[in-house]
Amino acid sequence: MNECRVKLQENGRIIIPANYRKQLHFEPGEELVLRIEENGLHLYSLKQSLRKAQSVVQHYAKNKSLVAELQRMRKEDAEHD
C-alpha cells in the first residue's frame, strides 16, 4: 500500500503529492469527490465515481436496456393517468 504523511494546513487544505496525482490521473482543475467511509476519508475523481456507478448499474441491468425499461415504465404510468 502506498502511503505518505501530509499536513492539514490552517485553512483545511492538504497537498496531494505529485506522484499520487500522477498515479490517480488527477488533472489540475478536475472535480474530485470526497467520501467519508467507516475506515476514513476517500478521494476519487468525478470520472472515477461515474465509472464505478456505471459498473454497479451494469451489474444489475445485465442484458437489459435501461432506456427501454424507463420508456416502458413511463408508458405504463401514462396509461394509468
N, C-alpha and C. Protein backbone atom coordinates (compact mmCIF):
# COMPACT_ATOMS: atom_id res chain seq x y z
N MET A 1 0.85 -1.18 0.00
CA MET A 1 0.00 0.00 0.00
C MET A 1 0.89 1.24 0.00
N ASN A 2 0.54 2.19 -0.87
CA ASN A 2 1.26 3.46 -0.89
C ASN A 2 0.72 4.35 0.21
N GLU A 3 1.60 4.95 0.95
CA GLU A 3 1.14 5.93 1.92
C GLU A 3 2.22 6.96 2.15
N CYS A 4 1.79 8.14 2.54
CA CYS A 4 2.70 9.21 2.88
C CYS A 4 2.02 10.09 3.92
N ARG A 5 2.78 10.93 4.54
CA ARG A 5 2.23 11.88 5.50
C ARG A 5 2.08 13.24 4.84
N VAL A 6 0.96 13.87 5.12
CA VAL A 6 0.75 15.25 4.69
C VAL A 6 0.21 16.01 5.89
N LYS A 7 0.37 17.31 5.87
CA LYS A 7 -0.13 18.13 6.98
C LYS A 7 -1.38 18.87 6.55
N LEU A 8 -2.33 18.93 7.45
CA LEU A 8 -3.52 19.72 7.24
C LEU A 8 -3.16 21.16 7.55
N GLN A 9 -3.33 22.03 6.56
CA GLN A 9 -2.99 23.43 6.75
C GLN A 9 -4.11 24.13 7.50
N GLU A 10 -3.83 25.31 8.02
CA GLU A 10 -4.81 26.06 8.82
C GLU A 10 -6.14 26.26 8.09
N ASN A 11 -6.07 26.47 6.80
CA ASN A 11 -7.29 26.72 6.03
C ASN A 11 -8.00 25.42 5.62
N GLY A 12 -7.53 24.27 6.14
CA GLY A 12 -8.18 22.99 5.86
C GLY A 12 -7.67 22.30 4.61
N ARG A 13 -6.68 22.85 3.98
CA ARG A 13 -6.17 22.25 2.74
C ARG A 13 -5.07 21.25 3.02
N ILE A 14 -4.98 20.27 2.13
CA ILE A 14 -3.84 19.36 2.13
C ILE A 14 -3.29 19.35 0.71
N ILE A 15 -2.03 19.02 0.59
CA ILE A 15 -1.41 18.93 -0.72
C ILE A 15 -1.27 17.46 -1.07
N ILE A 16 -1.79 17.09 -2.24
CA ILE A 16 -1.65 15.72 -2.73
C ILE A 16 -0.32 15.67 -3.49
N PRO A 17 0.61 14.85 -3.06
CA PRO A 17 1.91 14.79 -3.73
C PRO A 17 1.78 14.49 -5.22
N ALA A 18 2.69 15.04 -6.00
CA ALA A 18 2.64 14.93 -7.46
C ALA A 18 2.60 13.47 -7.93
N ASN A 19 3.39 12.60 -7.31
CA ASN A 19 3.40 11.21 -7.77
C ASN A 19 2.05 10.52 -7.52
N TYR A 20 1.34 10.93 -6.48
CA TYR A 20 -0.01 10.40 -6.22
C TYR A 20 -0.98 10.91 -7.28
N ARG A 21 -0.91 12.22 -7.56
CA ARG A 21 -1.80 12.79 -8.58
C ARG A 21 -1.57 12.10 -9.92
N LYS A 22 -0.32 11.82 -10.22
CA LYS A 22 0.01 11.17 -11.49
C LYS A 22 -0.55 9.74 -11.52
N GLN A 23 -0.36 8.97 -10.45
CA GLN A 23 -0.86 7.59 -10.39
C GLN A 23 -2.38 7.54 -10.49
N LEU A 24 -3.04 8.54 -9.91
CA LEU A 24 -4.52 8.57 -9.90
C LEU A 24 -5.09 9.31 -11.11
N HIS A 25 -4.22 9.83 -11.95
CA HIS A 25 -4.63 10.57 -13.15
C HIS A 25 -5.47 11.80 -12.81
N PHE A 26 -5.14 12.46 -11.69
CA PHE A 26 -5.81 13.70 -11.32
C PHE A 26 -5.17 14.85 -12.10
N GLU A 27 -6.00 15.64 -12.75
CA GLU A 27 -5.53 16.76 -13.54
C GLU A 27 -5.88 18.07 -12.83
N PRO A 28 -5.07 19.12 -13.02
CA PRO A 28 -5.40 20.42 -12.41
C PRO A 28 -6.79 20.88 -12.83
N GLY A 29 -7.57 21.35 -11.87
CA GLY A 29 -8.91 21.85 -12.16
C GLY A 29 -9.98 20.77 -12.20
N GLU A 30 -9.58 19.51 -12.11
CA GLU A 30 -10.54 18.40 -12.17
C GLU A 30 -11.37 18.36 -10.88
N GLU A 31 -12.65 18.03 -11.02
CA GLU A 31 -13.50 17.89 -9.85
C GLU A 31 -13.21 16.58 -9.15
N LEU A 32 -13.11 16.64 -7.83
CA LEU A 32 -12.85 15.46 -7.03
C LEU A 32 -14.01 15.24 -6.07
N VAL A 33 -14.19 14.01 -5.65
CA VAL A 33 -15.26 13.65 -4.72
C VAL A 33 -14.62 13.13 -3.45
N LEU A 34 -15.00 13.72 -2.31
CA LEU A 34 -14.57 13.22 -1.01
C LEU A 34 -15.71 12.43 -0.41
N ARG A 35 -15.38 11.29 0.13
CA ARG A 35 -16.43 10.46 0.75
C ARG A 35 -15.91 9.99 2.11
N ILE A 36 -16.71 10.21 3.14
CA ILE A 36 -16.37 9.69 4.46
C ILE A 36 -16.91 8.27 4.53
N GLU A 37 -16.02 7.35 4.80
CA GLU A 37 -16.41 5.95 4.96
C GLU A 37 -15.94 5.51 6.33
N GLU A 38 -16.42 4.37 6.73
CA GLU A 38 -16.16 3.90 8.09
C GLU A 38 -14.67 3.85 8.43
N ASN A 39 -13.84 3.58 7.44
CA ASN A 39 -12.41 3.48 7.73
C ASN A 39 -11.61 4.70 7.31
N GLY A 40 -12.27 5.81 7.00
CA GLY A 40 -11.53 7.02 6.71
C GLY A 40 -12.14 7.85 5.60
N LEU A 41 -11.35 8.75 5.11
CA LEU A 41 -11.75 9.67 4.05
C LEU A 41 -11.21 9.14 2.73
N HIS A 42 -12.08 9.04 1.73
CA HIS A 42 -11.66 8.55 0.43
C HIS A 42 -11.82 9.66 -0.60
N LEU A 43 -10.89 9.71 -1.52
CA LEU A 43 -10.85 10.76 -2.54
C LEU A 43 -10.88 10.12 -3.91
N TYR A 44 -11.82 10.54 -4.74
CA TYR A 44 -11.97 10.00 -6.09
C TYR A 44 -12.10 11.16 -7.06
N SER A 45 -11.73 10.90 -8.31
CA SER A 45 -12.06 11.88 -9.34
C SER A 45 -13.53 11.68 -9.67
N LEU A 46 -14.18 12.70 -10.17
CA LEU A 46 -15.57 12.59 -10.57
C LEU A 46 -15.71 11.51 -11.64
N LYS A 47 -14.73 11.46 -12.55
CA LYS A 47 -14.74 10.44 -13.61
C LYS A 47 -14.72 9.04 -13.01
N GLN A 48 -13.88 8.81 -12.00
CA GLN A 48 -13.79 7.50 -11.36
C GLN A 48 -15.11 7.14 -10.69
N SER A 49 -15.72 8.12 -10.02
CA SER A 49 -17.00 7.88 -9.36
C SER A 49 -18.08 7.50 -10.36
N LEU A 50 -18.11 8.20 -11.49
CA LEU A 50 -19.11 7.90 -12.51
C LEU A 50 -18.89 6.51 -13.10
N ARG A 51 -17.63 6.16 -13.35
CA ARG A 51 -17.33 4.83 -13.88
C ARG A 51 -17.76 3.74 -12.91
N LYS A 52 -17.51 3.97 -11.63
CA LYS A 52 -17.90 2.99 -10.62
C LYS A 52 -19.42 2.85 -10.57
N ALA A 53 -20.14 3.97 -10.61
CA ALA A 53 -21.60 3.94 -10.60
C ALA A 53 -22.13 3.20 -11.83
N GLN A 54 -21.54 3.47 -12.99
CA GLN A 54 -21.96 2.78 -14.21
C GLN A 54 -21.72 1.28 -14.11
N SER A 55 -20.63 0.90 -13.49
CA SER A 55 -20.31 -0.51 -13.32
C SER A 55 -21.34 -1.19 -12.43
N VAL A 56 -21.74 -0.53 -11.36
CA VAL A 56 -22.75 -1.09 -10.46
C VAL A 56 -24.08 -1.25 -11.19
N VAL A 57 -24.47 -0.23 -11.95
CA VAL A 57 -25.73 -0.30 -12.70
C VAL A 57 -25.67 -1.42 -13.72
N GLN A 58 -24.56 -1.54 -14.43
CA GLN A 58 -24.41 -2.60 -15.43
C GLN A 58 -24.54 -3.99 -14.80
N HIS A 59 -24.01 -4.13 -13.60
CA HIS A 59 -24.09 -5.41 -12.90
C HIS A 59 -25.54 -5.82 -12.68
N TYR A 60 -26.39 -4.88 -12.32
CA TYR A 60 -27.79 -5.18 -12.03
C TYR A 60 -28.69 -5.14 -13.26
N ALA A 61 -28.20 -4.57 -14.33
CA ALA A 61 -29.01 -4.42 -15.54
C ALA A 61 -28.53 -5.35 -16.64
N LYS A 62 -28.01 -6.49 -16.27
CA LYS A 62 -27.47 -7.44 -17.26
C LYS A 62 -28.48 -7.68 -18.38
N ASN A 63 -28.01 -7.51 -19.60
CA ASN A 63 -28.80 -7.80 -20.80
C ASN A 63 -30.13 -7.06 -20.86
N LYS A 64 -30.24 -5.93 -20.18
CA LYS A 64 -31.45 -5.11 -20.24
C LYS A 64 -31.09 -3.75 -20.79
N SER A 65 -31.99 -3.20 -21.55
CA SER A 65 -31.83 -1.83 -21.98
C SER A 65 -32.53 -0.96 -20.95
N LEU A 66 -31.76 -0.19 -20.20
CA LEU A 66 -32.37 0.67 -19.19
C LEU A 66 -33.23 1.75 -19.81
N VAL A 67 -32.86 2.20 -20.98
CA VAL A 67 -33.66 3.21 -21.69
C VAL A 67 -35.01 2.61 -22.05
N ALA A 68 -35.00 1.41 -22.60
CA ALA A 68 -36.26 0.75 -22.97
C ALA A 68 -37.11 0.50 -21.73
N GLU A 69 -36.48 0.10 -20.64
CA GLU A 69 -37.21 -0.14 -19.39
C GLU A 69 -37.86 1.14 -18.87
N LEU A 70 -37.13 2.24 -18.92
CA LEU A 70 -37.68 3.53 -18.49
C LEU A 70 -38.83 3.95 -19.39
N GLN A 71 -38.68 3.78 -20.69
CA GLN A 71 -39.76 4.13 -21.62
C GLN A 71 -41.01 3.28 -21.34
N ARG A 72 -40.81 1.99 -21.08
CA ARG A 72 -41.94 1.11 -20.77
C ARG A 72 -42.65 1.57 -19.49
N MET A 73 -41.88 1.90 -18.47
CA MET A 73 -42.45 2.35 -17.20
C MET A 73 -43.23 3.66 -17.37
N ARG A 74 -42.68 4.57 -18.15
CA ARG A 74 -43.36 5.84 -18.40
C ARG A 74 -44.67 5.63 -19.16
N LYS A 75 -44.62 4.71 -20.12
CA LYS A 75 -45.83 4.41 -20.91
C LYS A 75 -46.90 3.83 -19.98
N GLU A 76 -46.52 2.92 -19.11
CA GLU A 76 -47.47 2.33 -18.16
C GLU A 76 -48.07 3.41 -17.24
N ASP A 77 -47.21 4.29 -16.76
CA ASP A 77 -47.69 5.39 -15.90
C ASP A 77 -48.68 6.27 -16.64
N ALA A 78 -48.38 6.58 -17.91
CA ALA A 78 -49.26 7.44 -18.71
C ALA A 78 -50.61 6.77 -18.94
N GLU A 79 -50.59 5.45 -19.11
CA GLU A 79 -51.85 4.73 -19.33
C GLU A 79 -52.72 4.70 -18.07
N HIS A 80 -52.09 4.76 -16.91
CA HIS A 80 -52.82 4.72 -15.65
C HIS A 80 -53.35 6.10 -15.25
N ASP A 81 -52.91 7.13 -15.89
CA ASP A 81 -53.36 8.51 -15.56
C ASP A 81 -54.65 8.85 -16.18
